[in-house]
Amino acid sequence: MRKLFFLFLTFSFIFFISCSKDFLQVDAVVEKNCTGTYLKIDNKYYYVCNQSIISSYASGQSISVSYEVLEGCAGLSTPACDLKFNYDSIIEIKEII
């Protein structure tokens, strides 16, 4: 019985450490304007919290990214213009694929 318990515990531990958090991976279009940087995914716009990661990409350019949806963003600032730009959610880009 102890061997069975030890075996179960070992496999549980291996399973636990082998799991990694998977982020959503998608193809997106970069949208930049005076209110910030966004990704267009399936006709929805997402505000990019860590904009510097895609600063070298031009507006309209397609990229593949993995991202995580956030509750809020410390970098969310007042826009430099009077344009009102609606977005669905705030995201953090984890990786450019």
PDB file of N, CA and C in Angstrom:
ATOM      1  N   MET A   1       0.824  -1.195   0.000  1.00  0.00           N
ATOM      2  CA  MET A   1       0.000   0.000   0.000  1.00  0.00           C
ATOM      3  C   MET A   1       0.869   1.260   0.000  1.00  0.00           C
ATOM      4  N   ARG A   2       1.958   1.208   0.751  1.00  0.00           N
ATOM      5  CA  ARG A   2       2.844   2.372   0.795  1.00  0.00           C
ATOM      6  C   ARG A   2       3.487   2.607  -0.571  1.00  0.00           C
ATOM      7  N   LYS A   3       3.836   1.517  -1.248  1.00  0.00           N
ATOM      8  CA  LYS A   3       4.447   1.649  -2.565  1.00  0.00           C
ATOM      9  C   LYS A   3       3.463   2.272  -3.552  1.00  0.00           C
ATOM     10  N   LEU A   4       2.230   1.867  -3.470  1.00  0.00           N
ATOM     11  CA  LEU A   4       1.201   2.432  -4.339  1.00  0.00           C
ATOM     12  C   LEU A   4       1.005   3.917  -4.060  1.00  0.00           C
ATOM     13  N   PHE A   5       0.980   4.294  -2.806  1.00  0.00           N
ATOM     14  CA  PHE A   5       0.845   5.700  -2.425  1.00  0.00           C
ATOM     15  C   PHE A   5       2.048   6.498  -2.920  1.00  0.00           C
ATOM     16  N   PHE A   6       3.251   5.955  -2.732  1.00  0.00           N
ATOM     17  CA  PHE A   6       4.463   6.631  -3.181  1.00  0.00           C
ATOM     18  C   PHE A   6       4.462   6.793  -4.697  1.00  0.00           C
ATOM     19  N   LEU A   7       4.042   5.775  -5.411  1.00  0.00           N
ATOM     20  CA  LEU A   7       3.954   5.829  -6.859  1.00  0.00           C
ATOM     21  C   LEU A   7       2.951   6.894  -7.311  1.00  0.00           C
ATOM     22  N   PHE A   8       1.808   6.941  -6.675  1.00  0.00           N
ATOM     23  CA  PHE A   8       0.788   7.949  -6.974  1.00  0.00           C
ATOM     24  C   PHE A   8       1.329   9.352  -6.708  1.00  0.00           C
ATOM     25  N   LEU A   9       1.994   9.524  -5.597  1.00  0.00           N
ATOM     26  CA  LEU A   9       2.550  10.824  -5.236  1.00  0.00           C
ATOM     27  C   LEU A   9       3.613  11.262  -6.244  1.00  0.00           C
ATOM     28  N   THR A  10       4.440  10.336  -6.680  1.00  0.00           N
ATOM     29  CA  THR A  10       5.486  10.643  -7.649  1.00  0.00           C
ATOM     30  C   THR A  10       4.891  11.072  -8.984  1.00  0.00           C
ATOM     31  N   PHE A  11       3.912  10.316  -9.487  1.00  0.00           N
ATOM     32  CA  PHE A  11       3.279  10.683 -10.751  1.00  0.00           C
ATOM     33  C   PHE A  11       2.520  12.000 -10.644  1.00  0.00           C
ATOM     34  N   SER A  12       1.906  12.253  -9.520  1.00  0.00           N
ATOM     35  CA  SER A  12       1.198  13.529  -9.314  1.00  0.00           C
ATOM     36  C   SER A  12       2.170  14.690  -9.360  1.00  0.00           C
ATOM     37  N   PHE A  13       3.318  14.528  -8.722  1.00  0.00           N
ATOM     38  CA  PHE A  13       4.328  15.575  -8.707  1.00  0.00           C
ATOM     39  C   PHE A  13       4.860  15.838 -10.113  1.00  0.00           C
ATOM     40  N   ILE A  14       5.157  14.786 -10.854  1.00  0.00           N
ATOM     41  CA  ILE A  14       5.660  14.932 -12.223  1.00  0.00           C
ATOM     42  C   ILE A  14       4.616  15.625 -13.095  1.00  0.00           C
ATOM     43  N   PHE A  15       3.373  15.231 -12.966  1.00  0.00           N
ATOM     44  CA  PHE A  15       2.302  15.865 -13.731  1.00  0.00           C
ATOM     45  C   PHE A  15       2.187  17.342 -13.383  1.00  0.00           C
ATOM     46  N   PHE A  16       2.271  17.665 -12.117  1.00  0.00           N
ATOM     47  CA  PHE A  16       2.137  19.054 -11.665  1.00  0.00           C
ATOM     48  C   PHE A  16       3.251  19.926 -12.210  1.00  0.00           C
ATOM     49  N   ILE A  17       4.493  19.466 -12.150  1.00  0.00           N
ATOM     50  CA  ILE A  17       5.600  20.310 -12.611  1.00  0.00           C
ATOM     51  C   ILE A  17       5.681  20.366 -14.133  1.00  0.00           C
ATOM     52  N   SER A  18       5.098  19.389 -14.818  1.00  0.00           N
ATOM     53  CA  SER A  18       5.148  19.413 -16.279  1.00  0.00           C
ATOM     54  C   SER A  18       4.095  20.327 -16.877  1.00  0.00           C
ATOM     55  N   CYS A  19       3.092  20.699 -16.103  1.00  0.00           N
ATOM     56  CA  CYS A  19       2.046  21.593 -16.607  1.00  0.00           C
ATOM     57  C   CYS A  19       2.582  23.008 -16.672  1.00  0.00           C
ATOM     58  N   SER A  20       2.311  23.676 -17.755  1.00  0.00           N
ATOM     59  CA  SER A  20       2.678  25.072 -17.877  1.00  0.00           C
ATOM     60  C   SER A  20       1.427  25.855 -18.253  1.00  0.00           C
ATOM     61  N   LYS A  21       1.443  27.118 -17.916  1.00  0.00           N
ATOM     62  CA  LYS A  21       0.289  27.943 -18.222  1.00  0.00           C
ATOM     63  C   LYS A  21       0.299  28.266 -19.709  1.00  0.00           C
ATOM     64  N   ASP A  22      -0.745  27.880 -20.392  1.00  0.00           N
ATOM     65  CA  ASP A  22      -0.847  28.157 -21.812  1.00  0.00           C
ATOM     66  C   ASP A  22      -1.570  29.479 -22.019  1.00  0.00           C
ATOM     67  N   PHE A  23      -1.002  30.310 -22.889  1.00  0.00           N
ATOM     68  CA  PHE A  23      -1.618  31.575 -23.217  1.00  0.00           C
ATOM     69  C   PHE A  23      -2.279  31.443 -24.579  1.00  0.00           C
ATOM     70  N   LEU A  24      -3.225  32.290 -24.839  1.00  0.00           N
ATOM     71  CA  LEU A  24      -3.920  32.273 -26.120  1.00  0.00           C
ATOM     72  C   LEU A  24      -2.957  32.680 -27.232  1.00  0.00           C
ATOM     73  N   GLN A  25      -2.930  31.908 -28.303  1.00  0.00           N
ATOM     74  CA  GLN A  25      -2.065  32.207 -29.440  1.00  0.00           C
ATOM     75  C   GLN A  25      -2.928  32.500 -30.658  1.00  0.00           C
ATOM     76  N   VAL A  26      -2.707  33.663 -31.261  1.00  0.00           N
ATOM     77  CA  VAL A  26      -3.559  34.095 -32.367  1.00  0.00           C
ATOM     78  C   VAL A  26      -2.762  34.888 -33.398  1.00  0.00           C
ATOM     79  N   ASP A  27      -3.374  35.019 -34.567  1.00  0.00           N
ATOM     80  CA  ASP A  27      -2.897  35.961 -35.570  1.00  0.00           C
ATOM     81  C   ASP A  27      -3.688  37.245 -35.359  1.00  0.00           C
ATOM     82  N   ALA A  28      -2.998  38.373 -35.396  1.00  0.00           N
ATOM     83  CA  ALA A  28      -3.647  39.652 -35.104  1.00  0.00           C
ATOM     84  C   ALA A  28      -3.100  40.733 -36.027  1.00  0.00           C
ATOM     85  N   VAL A  29      -3.811  41.852 -36.057  1.00  0.00           N
ATOM     86  CA  VAL A  29      -3.381  43.018 -36.822  1.00  0.00           C
ATOM     87  C   VAL A  29      -3.124  44.147 -35.833  1.00  0.00           C
ATOM     88  N   VAL A  30      -1.972  44.791 -35.975  1.00  0.00           N
ATOM     89  CA  VAL A  30      -1.602  45.915 -35.101  1.00  0.00           C
ATOM     90  C   VAL A  30      -2.385  47.149 -35.515  1.00  0.00           C
ATOM     91  N   GLU A  31      -2.932  47.842 -34.542  1.00  0.00           N
ATOM     92  CA  GLU A  31      -3.646  49.103 -34.777  1.00  0.00           C
ATOM     93  C   GLU A  31      -3.075  50.129 -33.809  1.00  0.00           C
ATOM     94  N   LYS A  32      -2.483  51.191 -34.362  1.00  0.00           N
ATOM     95  CA  LYS A  32      -1.909  52.263 -33.537  1.00  0.00           C
ATOM     96  C   LYS A  32      -2.609  53.564 -33.868  1.00  0.00           C
ATOM     97  N   ASN A  33      -2.936  54.296 -32.830  1.00  0.00           N
ATOM     98  CA  ASN A  33      -3.477  55.642 -33.013  1.00  0.00           C
ATOM     99  C   ASN A  33      -3.080  56.476 -31.802  1.00  0.00           C
ATOM    100  N   CYS A  34      -3.591  57.667 -31.710  1.00  0.00           N
ATOM    101  CA  CYS A  34      -3.179  58.563 -30.633  1.00  0.00           C
ATOM    102  C   CYS A  34      -3.681  58.131 -29.254  1.00  0.00           C
ATOM    103  N   THR A  35      -4.571  57.148 -29.202  1.00  0.00           N
ATOM    104  CA  THR A  35      -5.073  56.670 -27.907  1.00  0.00           C
ATOM    105  C   THR A  35      -4.267  55.497 -27.359  1.00  0.00           C
ATOM    106  N   GLY A  36      -3.455  54.868 -28.224  1.00  0.00           N
ATOM    107  CA  GLY A  36      -2.649  53.744 -27.773  1.00  0.00           C
ATOM    108  C   GLY A  36      -2.429  52.722 -28.872  1.00  0.00           C
ATOM    109  N   THR A  37      -1.994  51.536 -28.456  1.00  0.00           N
ATOM    110  CA  THR A  37      -1.731  50.438 -29.381  1.00  0.00           C
ATOM    111  C   THR A  37      -2.696  49.308 -29.093  1.00  0.00           C
ATOM    112  N   TYR A  38      -3.257  48.759 -30.150  1.00  0.00           N
ATOM    113  CA  TYR A  38      -4.285  47.716 -30.028  1.00  0.00           C
ATOM    114  C   TYR A  38      -3.939  46.558 -30.950  1.00  0.00           C
ATOM    115  N   LEU A  39      -4.510  45.403 -30.653  1.00  0.00           N
ATOM    116  CA  LEU A  39      -4.471  44.278 -31.564  1.00  0.00           C
ATOM    117  C   LEU A  39      -5.897  43.985 -31.993  1.00  0.00           C
ATOM    118  N   LYS A  40      -6.084  43.794 -33.281  1.00  0.00           N
ATOM    119  CA  LYS A  40      -7.394  43.429 -33.814  1.00  0.00           C
ATOM    120  C   LYS A  40      -7.399  41.916 -34.006  1.00  0.00           C
ATOM    121  N   ILE A  41      -8.264  41.255 -33.258  1.00  0.00           N
ATOM    122  CA  ILE A  41      -8.380  39.801 -33.287  1.00  0.00           C
ATOM    123  C   ILE A  41      -9.846  39.472 -33.507  1.00  0.00           C
ATOM    124  N   ASP A  42     -10.148  38.794 -34.599  1.00  0.00           N
ATOM    125  CA  ASP A  42     -11.538  38.421 -34.921  1.00  0.00           C
ATOM    126  C   ASP A  42     -12.488  39.613 -34.858  1.00  0.00           C
ATOM    127  N   ASN A  43     -12.107  40.713 -35.496  1.00  0.00           N
ATOM    128  CA  ASN A  43     -12.909  41.942 -35.567  1.00  0.00           C
ATOM    129  C   ASN A  43     -13.191  42.585 -34.221  1.00  0.00           C
ATOM    130  N   LYS A  44     -12.373  42.280 -33.219  1.00  0.00           N
ATOM    131  CA  LYS A  44     -12.461  42.939 -31.907  1.00  0.00           C
ATOM    132  C   LYS A  44     -11.102  43.561 -31.610  1.00  0.00           C
ATOM    133  N   TYR A  45     -11.133  44.698 -30.930  1.00  0.00           N
ATOM    134  CA  TYR A  45      -9.896  45.392 -30.591  1.00  0.00           C
ATOM    135  C   TYR A  45      -9.556  45.168 -29.125  1.00  0.00           C
ATOM    136  N   TYR A  46      -8.262  44.936 -28.878  1.00  0.00           N
ATOM    137  CA  TYR A  46      -7.754  44.711 -27.534  1.00  0.00           C
ATOM    138  C   TYR A  46      -6.626  45.695 -27.262  1.00  0.00           C
ATOM    139  N   TYR A  47      -6.750  46.437 -26.166  1.00  0.00           N
ATOM    140  CA  TYR A  47      -5.717  47.395 -25.776  1.00  0.00           C
ATOM    141  C   TYR A  47      -4.496  46.629 -25.292  1.00  0.00           C
ATOM    142  N   VAL A  48      -3.330  46.971 -25.822  1.00  0.00           N
ATOM    143  CA  VAL A  48      -2.085  46.299 -25.437  1.00  0.00           C
ATOM    144  C   VAL A  48      -1.451  47.065 -24.290  1.00  0.00           C
ATOM    145  N   CYS A  49      -1.353  46.418 -23.142  1.00  0.00           N
ATOM    146  CA  CYS A  49      -0.791  47.062 -21.956  1.00  0.00           C
ATOM    147  C   CYS A  49       0.719  47.267 -22.105  1.00  0.00           C
ATOM    148  N   ASN A  50       1.419  46.265 -22.589  1.00  0.00           N
ATOM    149  CA  ASN A  50       2.870  46.368 -22.776  1.00  0.00           C
ATOM    150  C   ASN A  50       3.185  46.715 -24.242  1.00  0.00           C
ATOM    151  N   GLN A  51       2.884  47.945 -24.594  1.00  0.00           N
ATOM    152  CA  GLN A  51       2.977  48.407 -25.982  1.00  0.00           C
ATOM    153  C   GLN A  51       4.388  48.369 -26.546  1.00  0.00           C
ATOM    154  N   SER A  52       5.383  48.504 -25.699  1.00  0.00           N
ATOM    155  CA  SER A  52       6.766  48.571 -26.173  1.00  0.00           C
ATOM    156  C   SER A  52       7.202  47.292 -26.889  1.00  0.00           C
ATOM    157  N   ILE A  53       6.585  46.170 -26.556  1.00  0.00           N
ATOM    158  CA  ILE A  53       6.965  44.896 -27.175  1.00  0.00           C
ATOM    159  C   ILE A  53       6.648  44.866 -28.675  1.00  0.00           C
ATOM    160  N   ILE A  54       5.696  45.680 -29.106  1.00  0.00           N
ATOM    161  CA  ILE A  54       5.368  45.715 -30.536  1.00  0.00           C
ATOM    162  C   ILE A  54       5.589  47.115 -31.125  1.00  0.00           C
ATOM    163  N   SER A  55       6.458  47.898 -30.499  1.00  0.00           N
ATOM    164  CA  SER A  55       6.700  49.267 -30.976  1.00  0.00           C
ATOM    165  C   SER A  55       7.313  49.301 -32.372  1.00  0.00           C
ATOM    166  N   SER A  56       8.018  48.244 -32.774  1.00  0.00           N
ATOM    167  CA  SER A  56       8.650  48.223 -34.095  1.00  0.00           C
ATOM    168  C   SER A  56       7.689  47.801 -35.211  1.00  0.00           C
ATOM    169  N   TYR A  57       6.477  47.407 -34.855  1.00  0.00           N
ATOM    170  CA  TYR A  57       5.490  46.994 -35.854  1.00  0.00           C
ATOM    171  C   TYR A  57       4.619  48.189 -36.244  1.00  0.00           C
ATOM    172  N   ALA A  58       4.316  48.276 -37.533  1.00  0.00           N
ATOM    173  CA  ALA A  58       3.507  49.379 -38.048  1.00  0.00           C
ATOM    174  C   ALA A  58       2.026  49.049 -37.943  1.00  0.00           C
ATOM    175  N   SER A  59       1.217  50.084 -37.911  1.00  0.00           N
ATOM    176  CA  SER A  59      -0.228  49.914 -37.904  1.00  0.00           C
ATOM    177  C   SER A  59      -0.651  49.214 -39.192  1.00  0.00           C
ATOM    178  N   GLY A  60      -1.504  48.202 -39.063  1.00  0.00           N
ATOM    179  CA  GLY A  60      -1.948  47.436 -40.209  1.00  0.00           C
ATOM    180  C   GLY A  60      -1.139  46.179 -40.456  1.00  0.00           C
ATOM    181  N   GLN A  61      -0.028  46.029 -39.747  1.00  0.00           N
ATOM    182  CA  GLN A  61       0.836  44.865 -39.942  1.00  0.00           C
ATOM    183  C   GLN A  61       0.274  43.658 -39.184  1.00  0.00           C
ATOM    184  N   SER A  62       0.346  42.496 -39.801  1.00  0.00           N
ATOM    185  CA  SER A  62      -0.122  41.256 -39.162  1.00  0.00           C
ATOM    186  C   SER A  62       1.012  40.623 -38.370  1.00  0.00           C
ATOM    187  N   ILE A  63       0.661  40.123 -37.178  1.00  0.00           N
ATOM    188  CA  ILE A  63       1.627  39.415 -36.351  1.00  0.00           C
ATOM    189  C   ILE A  63       0.929  38.247 -35.650  1.00  0.00           C
ATOM    190  N   SER A  64       1.709  37.289 -35.220  1.00  0.00           N
ATOM    191  CA  SER A  64       1.201  36.174 -34.420  1.00  0.00           C
ATOM    192  C   SER A  64       1.739  36.355 -33.008  1.00  0.00           C
ATOM    193  N   VAL A  65       0.847  36.296 -32.042  1.00  0.00           N
ATOM    194  CA  VAL A  65       1.244  36.532 -30.654  1.00  0.00           C
ATOM    195  C   VAL A  65       0.566  35.537 -29.717  1.00  0.00           C
ATOM    196  N   SER A  66       1.132  35.415 -28.544  1.00  0.00           N
ATOM    197  CA  SER A  66       0.426  34.767 -27.449  1.00  0.00           C
ATOM    198  C   SER A  66       0.184  35.860 -26.421  1.00  0.00           C
ATOM    199  N   TYR A  67      -0.983  35.826 -25.800  1.00  0.00           N
ATOM    200  CA  TYR A  67      -1.337  36.904 -24.888  1.00  0.00           C
ATOM    201  C   TYR A  67      -2.172  36.393 -23.726  1.00  0.00           C
ATOM    202  N   GLU A  68      -2.298  37.272 -22.736  1.00  0.00           N
ATOM    203  CA  GLU A  68      -3.125  36.992 -21.565  1.00  0.00           C
ATOM    204  C   GLU A  68      -4.056  38.179 -21.353  1.00  0.00           C
ATOM    205  N   VAL A  69      -5.311  37.903 -21.069  1.00  0.00           N
ATOM    206  CA  VAL A  69      -6.281  38.965 -20.787  1.00  0.00           C
ATOM    207  C   VAL A  69      -6.055  39.454 -19.357  1.00  0.00           C
ATOM    208  N   LEU A  70      -6.050  40.772 -19.179  1.00  0.00           N
ATOM    209  CA  LEU A  70      -5.816  41.387 -17.873  1.00  0.00           C
ATOM    210  C   LEU A  70      -7.073  42.064 -17.344  1.00  0.00           C
ATOM    211  N   GLU A  71      -7.100  42.276 -16.061  1.00  0.00           N
ATOM    212  CA  GLU A  71      -8.184  43.024 -15.418  1.00  0.00           C
ATOM    213  C   GLU A  71      -7.980  44.528 -15.592  1.00  0.00           C
ATOM    214  N   GLY A  72      -6.740  44.963 -15.560  1.00  0.00           N
ATOM    215  CA  GLY A  72      -6.413  46.381 -15.670  1.00  0.00           C
ATOM    216  C   GLY A  72      -4.998  46.533 -16.173  1.00  0.00           C
ATOM    217  N   CYS A  73      -4.544  47.786 -16.302  1.00  0.00           N
ATOM    218  CA  CYS A  73      -3.213  48.048 -16.837  1.00  0.00           C
ATOM    219  C   CYS A  73      -2.639  49.290 -16.168  1.00  0.00           C
ATOM    220  N   ALA A  74      -1.477  49.142 -15.558  1.00  0.00           N
ATOM    221  CA  ALA A  74      -0.825  50.278 -14.913  1.00  0.00           C
ATOM    222  C   ALA A  74      -0.383  51.313 -15.948  1.00  0.00           C
ATOM    223  N   GLY A  75      -0.125  50.868 -17.180  1.00  0.00           N
ATOM    224  CA  GLY A  75       0.327  51.762 -18.237  1.00  0.00           C
ATOM    225  C   GLY A  75      -0.795  52.459 -18.985  1.00  0.00           C
ATOM    226  N   LEU A  76      -2.035  52.216 -18.600  1.00  0.00           N
ATOM    227  CA  LEU A  76      -3.180  52.830 -19.268  1.00  0.00           C
ATOM    228  C   LEU A  76      -3.224  54.306 -18.895  1.00  0.00           C
ATOM    229  N   SER A  77      -2.988  55.163 -19.875  1.00  0.00           N
ATOM    230  CA  SER A  77      -2.901  56.595 -19.596  1.00  0.00           C
ATOM    231  C   SER A  77      -3.951  57.371 -20.374  1.00  0.00           C
ATOM    232  N   THR A  78      -4.002  58.637 -20.110  1.00  0.00           N
ATOM    233  CA  THR A  78      -4.923  59.524 -20.820  1.00  0.00           C
ATOM    234  C   THR A  78      -4.447  59.679 -22.256  1.00  0.00           C
ATOM    235  N   PRO A  79      -5.335  59.513 -23.229  1.00  0.00           N
ATOM    236  CA  PRO A  79      -4.941  59.626 -24.643  1.00  0.00           C
ATOM    237  C   PRO A  79      -4.396  61.011 -24.976  1.00  0.00           C
ATOM    238  N   ALA A  80      -3.528  61.055 -25.993  1.00  0.00           N
ATOM    239  CA  ALA A  80      -2.924  62.306 -26.429  1.00  0.00           C
ATOM    240  C   ALA A  80      -3.825  63.060 -27.401  1.00  0.00           C
ATOM    241  N   CYS A  81      -5.066  62.615 -27.546  1.00  0.00           N
ATOM    242  CA  CYS A  81      -5.987  63.265 -28.474  1.00  0.00           C
ATOM    243  C   CYS A  81      -7.415  63.110 -27.953  1.00  0.00           C
ATOM    244  N   ASP A  82      -8.360  63.675 -28.679  1.00  0.00           N
ATOM    245  CA  ASP A  82      -9.761  63.613 -28.277  1.00  0.00           C
ATOM    246  C   ASP A  82     -10.513  62.447 -28.910  1.00  0.00           C
ATOM    247  N   LEU A  83      -9.815  61.572 -29.591  1.00  0.00           N
ATOM    248  CA  LEU A  83     -10.437  60.419 -30.238  1.00  0.00           C
ATOM    249  C   LEU A  83     -10.926  59.420 -29.198  1.00  0.00           C
ATOM    250  N   LYS A  84     -12.148  58.966 -29.361  1.00  0.00           N
ATOM    251  CA  LYS A  84     -12.674  57.908 -28.491  1.00  0.00           C
ATOM    252  C   LYS A  84     -12.546  56.603 -29.251  1.00  0.00           C
ATOM    253  N   PHE A  85     -11.758  55.675 -28.716  1.00  0.00           N
ATOM    254  CA  PHE A  85     -11.521  54.402 -29.385  1.00  0.00           C
ATOM    255  C   PHE A  85     -11.978  53.291 -28.448  1.00  0.00           C
ATOM    256  N   ASN A  86     -13.013  52.581 -28.840  1.00  0.00           N
ATOM    257  CA  ASN A  86     -13.561  51.505 -28.001  1.00  0.00           C
ATOM    258  C   ASN A  86     -12.782  50.214 -28.212  1.00  0.00           C
ATOM    259  N   TYR A  87     -12.551  49.519 -27.114  1.00  0.00           N
ATOM    260  CA  TYR A  87     -11.875  48.223 -27.183  1.00  0.00           C
ATOM    261  C   TYR A  87     -12.600  47.251 -26.256  1.00  0.00           C
ATOM    262  N   ASP A  88     -12.416  45.956 -26.532  1.00  0.00           N
ATOM    263  CA  ASP A  88     -13.133  44.920 -25.793  1.00  0.00           C
ATOM    264  C   ASP A  88     -12.479  44.538 -24.477  1.00  0.00           C
ATOM    265  N   SER A  89     -11.154  44.541 -24.446  1.00  0.00           N
ATOM    266  CA  SER A  89     -10.459  44.101 -23.244  1.00  0.00           C
ATOM    267  C   SER A  89      -9.020  44.602 -23.278  1.00  0.00           C
ATOM    268  N   ILE A  90      -8.337  44.417 -22.161  1.00  0.00           N
ATOM    269  CA  ILE A  90      -6.935  44.787 -22.041  1.00  0.00           C
ATOM    270  C   ILE A  90      -6.123  43.502 -22.034  1.00  0.00           C
ATOM    271  N   ILE A  91      -5.038  43.482 -22.821  1.00  0.00           N
ATOM    272  CA  ILE A  91      -4.204  42.287 -22.882  1.00  0.00           C
ATOM    273  C   ILE A  91      -2.740  42.622 -22.640  1.00  0.00           C
ATOM    274  N   GLU A  92      -1.999  41.591 -22.274  1.00  0.00           N
ATOM    275  CA  GLU A  92      -0.553  41.665 -22.180  1.00  0.00           C
ATOM    276  C   GLU A  92       0.018  40.637 -23.145  1.00  0.00           C
ATOM    277  N   ILE A  93       0.861  41.094 -24.049  1.00  0.00           N
ATOM    278  CA  ILE A  93       1.485  40.175 -25.002  1.00  0.00           C
ATOM    279  C   ILE A  93       2.590  39.423 -24.277  1.00  0.00           C
ATOM    280  N   LYS A  94       2.528  38.108 -24.346  1.00  0.00           N
ATOM    281  CA  LYS A  94       3.523  37.263 -23.689  1.00  0.00           C
ATOM    282  C   LYS A  94       4.670  36.917 -24.627  1.00  0.00           C
ATOM    283  N   GLU A  95       4.347  36.739 -25.917  1.00  0.00           N
ATOM    284  CA  GLU A  95       5.384  36.343 -26.874  1.00  0.00           C
ATOM    285  C   GLU A  95       4.917  36.661 -28.293  1.00  0.00           C
ATOM    286  N   ILE A  96       5.861  37.094 -29.113  1.00  0.00           N
ATOM    287  CA  ILE A  96       5.599  37.245 -30.539  1.00  0.00           C
ATOM    288  C   ILE A  96       6.128  35.980 -31.188  1.00  0.00           C
ATOM    289  N   ILE A  97       5.246  35.315 -31.898  1.00  0.00           N
ATOM    290  CA  ILE A  97       5.580  33.999 -32.456  1.00  0.00           C
ATOM    291  C   ILE A  97       6.066  34.126 -33.882  1.00  0.00           C
TER     292      ILE A  97
END
